[in-house]
């Protein structure tokens, strides 16, 4: 890995930034590099070279903490206890932290795409870093920090499973895993309201609004790239979900918001049918 300071003005390649963010486990440096890359993008100085070998996704470096467990091994806690509330926000912090990796990896791993693709995912990486920082600060107010509790390893496994297929990555990560957040977050916001956690409500509302745009970008690029490769997007989406997602997609589905995020009614109908098979 080629390390560099976030202050080095001569580093303008988006893939240099991606390399350092993916292969350095330091949390603070990852956040700073992500924000610095976005600043350089905004200044019109970021380069998008075509050449380069992303290497093996298994080489990605994560922090030593938190301890990563399989989802089935995660301890169960009630949200109406202090420990449960901390665990809830720690889990959200981990999701947003891994989302930074997911955005950088889709940039780093898949070369030769339009520059706008990389711009979109850098903007998403920057927003995910902002989300993580907001949740982490709230978690710290509860007496915990990111890494103090275990976290699940499930989300990153989907990146590993789709490391060789951009359409599979877009179908499974933004259009399946992240889209699930569009379904469940309104209820989570409602629960926090009943608990009087105004800060938590503000954070989740901000994340929810941004995630609609993230899923929409996933839908946009999936549909465009599928057509460029000669696929019918809706048909290929269903094929990829069946081949790359174990088990049935989880419902119910927030149809109104999923439509805004680029899903078709036909796709949502199919997902609902899958629940009853």
Protein backbone atom coordinates (compact mmCIF):
# COMPACT_ATOMS: atom_id res chain seq x y z
CA UNK A 1 0.00 0.00 0.00
CA UNK A 2 1.26 3.47 -0.82
CA UNK A 3 0.60 5.60 2.24
CA UNK A 4 0.29 9.36 1.96
CA UNK A 5 -0.70 12.35 4.01
CA UNK A 6 -4.15 13.86 3.50
CA UNK A 7 -2.31 17.15 3.04
CA UNK A 8 -0.23 16.05 0.06
CA UNK A 9 -1.49 18.18 -2.80
CA UNK A 10 0.11 16.06 -5.54
CA UNK A 11 -2.08 13.02 -4.84
CA UNK A 12 -5.06 13.38 -7.14
CA UNK A 13 -5.97 9.84 -8.21
CA UNK A 14 -9.20 8.49 -6.80
CA UNK A 15 -7.66 5.00 -6.82
CA UNK A 16 -4.78 6.15 -4.61
CA UNK A 17 -7.29 7.34 -2.05
CA UNK A 18 -9.30 4.13 -2.39
CA UNK A 19 -6.19 2.01 -1.89
CA UNK A 20 -5.24 3.81 1.30
CA UNK A 21 -8.77 3.68 2.71
CA UNK A 22 -9.21 -0.03 2.01
CA UNK A 23 -5.80 -1.25 3.14
CA UNK A 24 -5.33 0.80 6.31
CA UNK A 25 -7.33 -0.13 9.40
CA UNK A 26 -6.90 3.23 11.15
CA UNK A 27 -10.39 4.67 11.67
CA UNK A 28 -9.49 8.35 11.97
CA UNK A 29 -7.19 8.27 8.95
CA UNK A 30 -9.87 6.57 6.86
CA UNK A 31 -12.39 9.29 7.70
CA UNK A 32 -9.89 12.06 6.99
CA UNK A 33 -8.83 10.55 3.66
CA UNK A 34 -12.44 10.14 2.58
CA UNK A 35 -13.28 13.75 3.34
CA UNK A 36 -10.05 14.92 1.69
CA UNK A 37 -10.84 13.00 -1.51
CA UNK A 38 -14.29 14.59 -1.62
CA UNK A 39 -12.74 18.05 -1.17
CA UNK A 40 -10.34 17.44 -4.07
CA UNK A 41 -13.27 16.20 -6.17
CA UNK A 42 -15.20 19.39 -5.38
CA UNK A 43 -12.17 21.42 -6.46
CA UNK A 44 -12.10 19.63 -9.82
CA UNK A 45 -8.64 18.15 -9.24
CA UNK A 46 -9.39 14.45 -8.85
CA UNK A 47 -8.16 12.10 -11.60
CA UNK A 48 -9.83 8.89 -12.74
CA UNK A 49 -7.16 6.68 -14.35
CA UNK A 50 -8.21 3.47 -16.05
CA UNK A 51 -5.14 1.35 -15.33
CA UNK A 52 -4.48 -0.60 -12.16
CA UNK A 53 -4.99 -3.96 -10.51
CA UNK A 54 -7.29 -3.91 -7.44
CA UNK A 55 -5.91 -7.20 -6.15
CA UNK A 56 -7.78 -9.63 -3.95
CA UNK A 57 -10.67 -8.39 -1.86
CA UNK A 58 -9.49 -10.71 0.93
CA UNK A 59 -6.52 -8.38 1.44
CA UNK A 60 -8.79 -5.58 2.70
CA UNK A 61 -7.69 -4.39 6.15
CA UNK A 62 -10.16 -3.72 8.97
CA UNK A 63 -9.45 -2.36 12.46
CA UNK A 64 -8.56 -4.84 15.21
CA UNK A 65 -11.82 -3.93 16.94
CA UNK A 66 -14.71 -4.59 16.97
CA UNK A 67 -14.65 -8.36 17.22
CA UNK A 68 -16.56 -9.66 14.21
CA UNK A 69 -19.08 -12.45 14.76
CA UNK A 70 -21.52 -14.27 12.54
CA UNK A 71 -24.99 -12.69 12.80
CA UNK A 72 -26.36 -15.77 14.61
CA UNK A 73 -23.71 -15.37 17.31
CA UNK A 74 -24.49 -11.74 18.11
CA UNK A 75 -25.88 -11.22 21.65
CA UNK A 76 -29.52 -10.16 21.86
CA UNK A 77 -30.32 -7.03 23.87
CA UNK A 78 -33.49 -5.03 24.48
CA UNK A 79 -33.55 -1.50 23.10
CA UNK A 80 -35.25 -0.17 26.25
CA UNK A 81 -32.13 -0.82 28.38
CA UNK A 82 -28.98 1.30 28.39
CA UNK A 83 -26.89 -1.66 27.25
CA UNK A 84 -29.42 -2.44 24.55
CA UNK A 85 -29.49 1.14 23.32
CA UNK A 86 -25.69 1.22 23.18
CA UNK A 87 -25.66 -2.08 21.29
CA UNK A 88 -28.24 -0.70 18.86
CA UNK A 89 -26.17 2.37 18.02
CA UNK A 90 -22.96 0.34 17.95
CA UNK A 91 -24.56 -1.94 15.35
CA UNK A 92 -25.60 1.10 13.31
CA UNK A 93 -22.10 2.55 13.60
CA UNK A 94 -20.67 -0.70 12.27
CA UNK A 95 -23.07 -0.75 9.34
CA UNK A 96 -22.09 2.79 8.39
CA UNK A 97 -18.40 2.03 8.88
CA UNK A 98 -18.57 -0.98 6.58
CA UNK A 99 -20.57 1.15 4.15
CA UNK A 100 -17.48 3.38 3.80
CA UNK A 101 -15.53 0.28 2.76
CA UNK A 102 -18.28 -0.79 0.38
CA UNK A 103 -18.28 2.58 -1.39
CA UNK A 104 -14.49 2.65 -1.69
CA UNK A 105 -14.33 -0.98 -2.82
CA UNK A 106 -16.82 -0.51 -5.65
CA UNK A 107 -14.63 2.39 -6.79
CA UNK A 108 -11.37 0.48 -6.45
CA UNK A 109 -12.44 -2.93 -7.73
CA UNK A 110 -14.30 -2.10 -10.92
CA UNK A 111 -12.26 -0.17 -13.49
CA UNK A 112 -13.05 1.34 -16.87
CA UNK A 113 -16.46 2.75 -15.94
CA UNK A 114 -17.63 6.32 -16.63
CA UNK A 115 -16.02 8.99 -14.43
CA UNK A 116 -19.47 9.87 -13.08
CA UNK A 117 -19.74 6.39 -11.56
CA UNK A 118 -16.68 7.04 -9.42
CA UNK A 119 -17.85 10.54 -8.54
CA UNK A 120 -21.18 9.16 -7.33
CA UNK A 121 -19.58 6.56 -5.12
CA UNK A 122 -17.06 8.98 -3.65
CA UNK A 123 -19.93 11.26 -2.67
CA UNK A 124 -21.59 8.22 -1.08
CA UNK A 125 -18.37 7.25 0.74
CA UNK A 126 -18.15 10.78 2.15
CA UNK A 127 -21.76 10.69 3.34
CA UNK A 128 -21.27 7.27 4.93
CA UNK A 129 -18.25 8.66 6.79
CA UNK A 130 -20.40 11.53 8.02
CA UNK A 131 -23.07 9.07 9.16
CA UNK A 132 -20.52 7.01 11.05
CA UNK A 133 -19.15 10.08 12.82
CA UNK A 134 -22.64 11.19 13.88
CA UNK A 135 -23.55 7.78 15.27
CA UNK A 136 -20.17 7.36 16.94
CA UNK A 137 -20.56 10.69 18.75
CA UNK A 138 -24.00 9.65 19.99
CA UNK A 139 -22.63 6.28 21.04
CA UNK A 140 -19.88 8.02 23.01
CA UNK A 141 -22.53 10.04 24.84
CA UNK A 142 -23.85 6.70 26.10
CA UNK A 143 -20.43 5.79 27.50
CA UNK A 144 -19.31 3.50 24.67
CA UNK A 145 -17.13 3.85 21.58
CA UNK A 146 -16.97 2.00 18.30
CA UNK A 147 -15.14 -1.26 18.88
CA UNK A 148 -16.26 -1.71 22.49
CA UNK A 149 -18.89 -4.26 21.48
CA UNK A 150 -18.88 -7.11 18.94
CA UNK A 151 -20.29 -6.58 15.46
CA UNK A 152 -21.51 -8.87 12.69
CA UNK A 153 -19.48 -9.72 9.62
CA UNK A 154 -22.43 -10.39 7.32
CA UNK A 155 -22.49 -7.19 5.26
CA UNK A 156 -18.90 -7.42 4.01
CA UNK A 157 -19.40 -11.04 2.99
CA UNK A 158 -21.77 -9.81 0.28
CA UNK A 159 -18.96 -7.66 -1.11
CA UNK A 160 -16.65 -10.67 -1.15
CA UNK A 161 -19.27 -12.79 -2.92
CA UNK A 162 -19.72 -10.17 -5.67
CA UNK A 163 -16.09 -9.09 -6.11
CA UNK A 164 -15.96 -10.25 -9.73
CA UNK A 165 -19.28 -8.91 -11.06
CA UNK A 166 -20.27 -5.24 -10.94
CA UNK A 167 -23.92 -6.01 -11.70
CA UNK A 168 -24.08 -8.59 -8.90
CA UNK A 169 -22.49 -6.07 -6.53
CA UNK A 170 -25.05 -3.40 -7.42
CA UNK A 171 -27.95 -5.84 -7.20
CA UNK A 172 -26.99 -7.29 -3.82
CA UNK A 173 -25.43 -4.38 -1.92
CA UNK A 174 -27.30 -1.14 -2.72
CA UNK A 175 -30.40 -2.79 -4.23
CA UNK A 176 -30.88 -5.47 -1.58
CA UNK A 177 -28.92 -4.93 1.64
CA UNK A 178 -28.99 -1.12 1.70
CA UNK A 179 -32.52 -1.01 0.32
CA UNK A 180 -33.59 -2.97 3.39
CA UNK A 181 -32.79 0.13 5.41
CA UNK A 182 -35.49 1.99 3.49
CA UNK A 183 -37.98 -0.57 4.78
CA UNK A 184 -37.00 -0.69 8.45
CA UNK A 185 -35.63 2.74 9.35
CA UNK A 186 -39.00 4.54 9.71
CA UNK A 187 -40.02 2.09 12.45
CA UNK A 188 -36.64 2.54 14.14
CA UNK A 189 -37.13 6.32 14.08
CA UNK A 190 -40.57 5.86 15.61
CA UNK A 191 -39.17 3.69 18.39
CA UNK A 192 -36.54 6.29 19.26
CA UNK A 193 -39.23 8.98 19.33
CA UNK A 194 -41.18 7.03 21.94
CA UNK A 195 -37.98 6.77 23.98
CA UNK A 196 -37.39 10.53 23.81
CA UNK A 197 -34.07 10.22 22.00
CA UNK A 198 -34.26 13.39 19.90
CA UNK A 199 -30.61 13.23 18.85
CA UNK A 200 -31.00 9.64 17.71
CA UNK A 201 -34.11 10.58 15.74
CA UNK A 202 -32.26 13.42 13.99
CA UNK A 203 -29.34 11.15 13.10
CA UNK A 204 -31.50 8.35 11.73
CA UNK A 205 -33.66 10.80 9.79
CA UNK A 206 -30.56 12.27 8.15
CA UNK A 207 -29.22 8.81 7.33
CA UNK A 208 -32.58 7.67 5.96
CA UNK A 209 -32.80 10.66 3.61
CA UNK A 210 -29.26 10.12 2.33
CA UNK A 211 -29.74 6.37 1.90
CA UNK A 212 -32.67 6.92 -0.46
CA UNK A 213 -30.19 8.66 -2.74
CA UNK A 214 -27.58 5.94 -2.29
CA UNK A 215 -30.01 3.21 -3.32
CA UNK A 216 -31.21 5.37 -6.22
CA UNK A 217 -27.62 5.62 -7.48
CA UNK A 218 -27.34 1.85 -7.20
CA UNK A 219 -30.52 1.46 -9.25
CA UNK A 220 -29.40 4.00 -11.83
CA UNK A 221 -26.01 2.37 -12.43
CA UNK A 222 -27.41 -1.16 -12.32
CA UNK A 223 -29.98 -0.36 -14.99
CA UNK A 224 -27.52 1.56 -17.17
CA UNK A 225 -24.71 -0.99 -16.99
CA UNK A 226 -27.10 -3.93 -17.45
CA UNK A 227 -28.39 -2.39 -20.67
CA UNK A 228 -24.82 -1.68 -21.82
CA UNK A 229 -24.03 -5.38 -21.34
CA UNK A 230 -27.14 -6.46 -23.25
CA UNK A 231 -29.28 -7.56 -20.30
CA UNK A 232 -32.88 -6.77 -19.52
CA UNK A 233 -32.35 -4.99 -16.17
CA UNK A 234 -35.43 -6.28 -14.34
CA UNK A 235 -34.92 -9.86 -15.45
CA UNK A 236 -31.21 -9.80 -14.67
CA UNK A 237 -31.82 -8.25 -11.24
CA UNK A 238 -34.07 -11.18 -10.34
CA UNK A 239 -31.53 -13.69 -11.65
CA UNK A 240 -28.75 -12.12 -9.61
CA UNK A 241 -30.77 -12.01 -6.41
CA UNK A 242 -31.65 -15.69 -6.85
CA UNK A 243 -28.03 -16.68 -7.51
CA UNK A 244 -26.20 -14.41 -5.03
CA UNK A 245 -28.55 -13.90 -2.10
CA UNK A 246 -29.06 -16.88 0.19
CA UNK A 247 -32.60 -17.24 1.46
CA UNK A 248 -35.57 -15.02 0.71
CA UNK A 249 -35.42 -11.21 0.69
CA UNK A 250 -36.94 -9.87 3.90
CA UNK A 251 -40.12 -7.80 3.88
CA UNK A 252 -42.36 -5.93 4.17
CA UNK A 253 -41.16 -3.49 1.54
CA UNK A 254 -41.53 0.28 1.63
CA UNK A 255 -42.95 0.51 -1.87
CA UNK A 256 -43.34 4.29 -2.05
CA UNK A 257 -39.74 5.00 -1.06
CA UNK A 258 -38.31 2.11 -3.07
CA UNK A 259 -39.96 3.59 -6.17
CA UNK A 260 -38.22 6.89 -5.44
CA UNK A 261 -34.98 4.92 -5.05
CA UNK A 262 -35.28 3.46 -8.55
CA UNK A 263 -37.16 0.19 -8.08
CA UNK A 264 -39.97 -0.66 -10.47
CA UNK A 265 -43.36 -1.87 -9.29
CA UNK A 266 -42.62 -5.12 -11.12
CA UNK A 267 -39.45 -5.66 -9.10
CA UNK A 268 -41.23 -4.97 -5.81
CA UNK A 269 -44.12 -7.27 -6.81
CA UNK A 270 -41.58 -10.02 -7.48
CA UNK A 271 -39.87 -9.47 -4.12
CA UNK A 272 -43.24 -9.71 -2.37
CA UNK A 273 -44.07 -12.89 -4.25
CA UNK A 274 -40.78 -14.36 -3.08
CA UNK A 275 -41.88 -13.92 0.55
CA UNK A 276 -44.74 -16.38 0.03
CA UNK A 277 -42.95 -19.05 -1.99
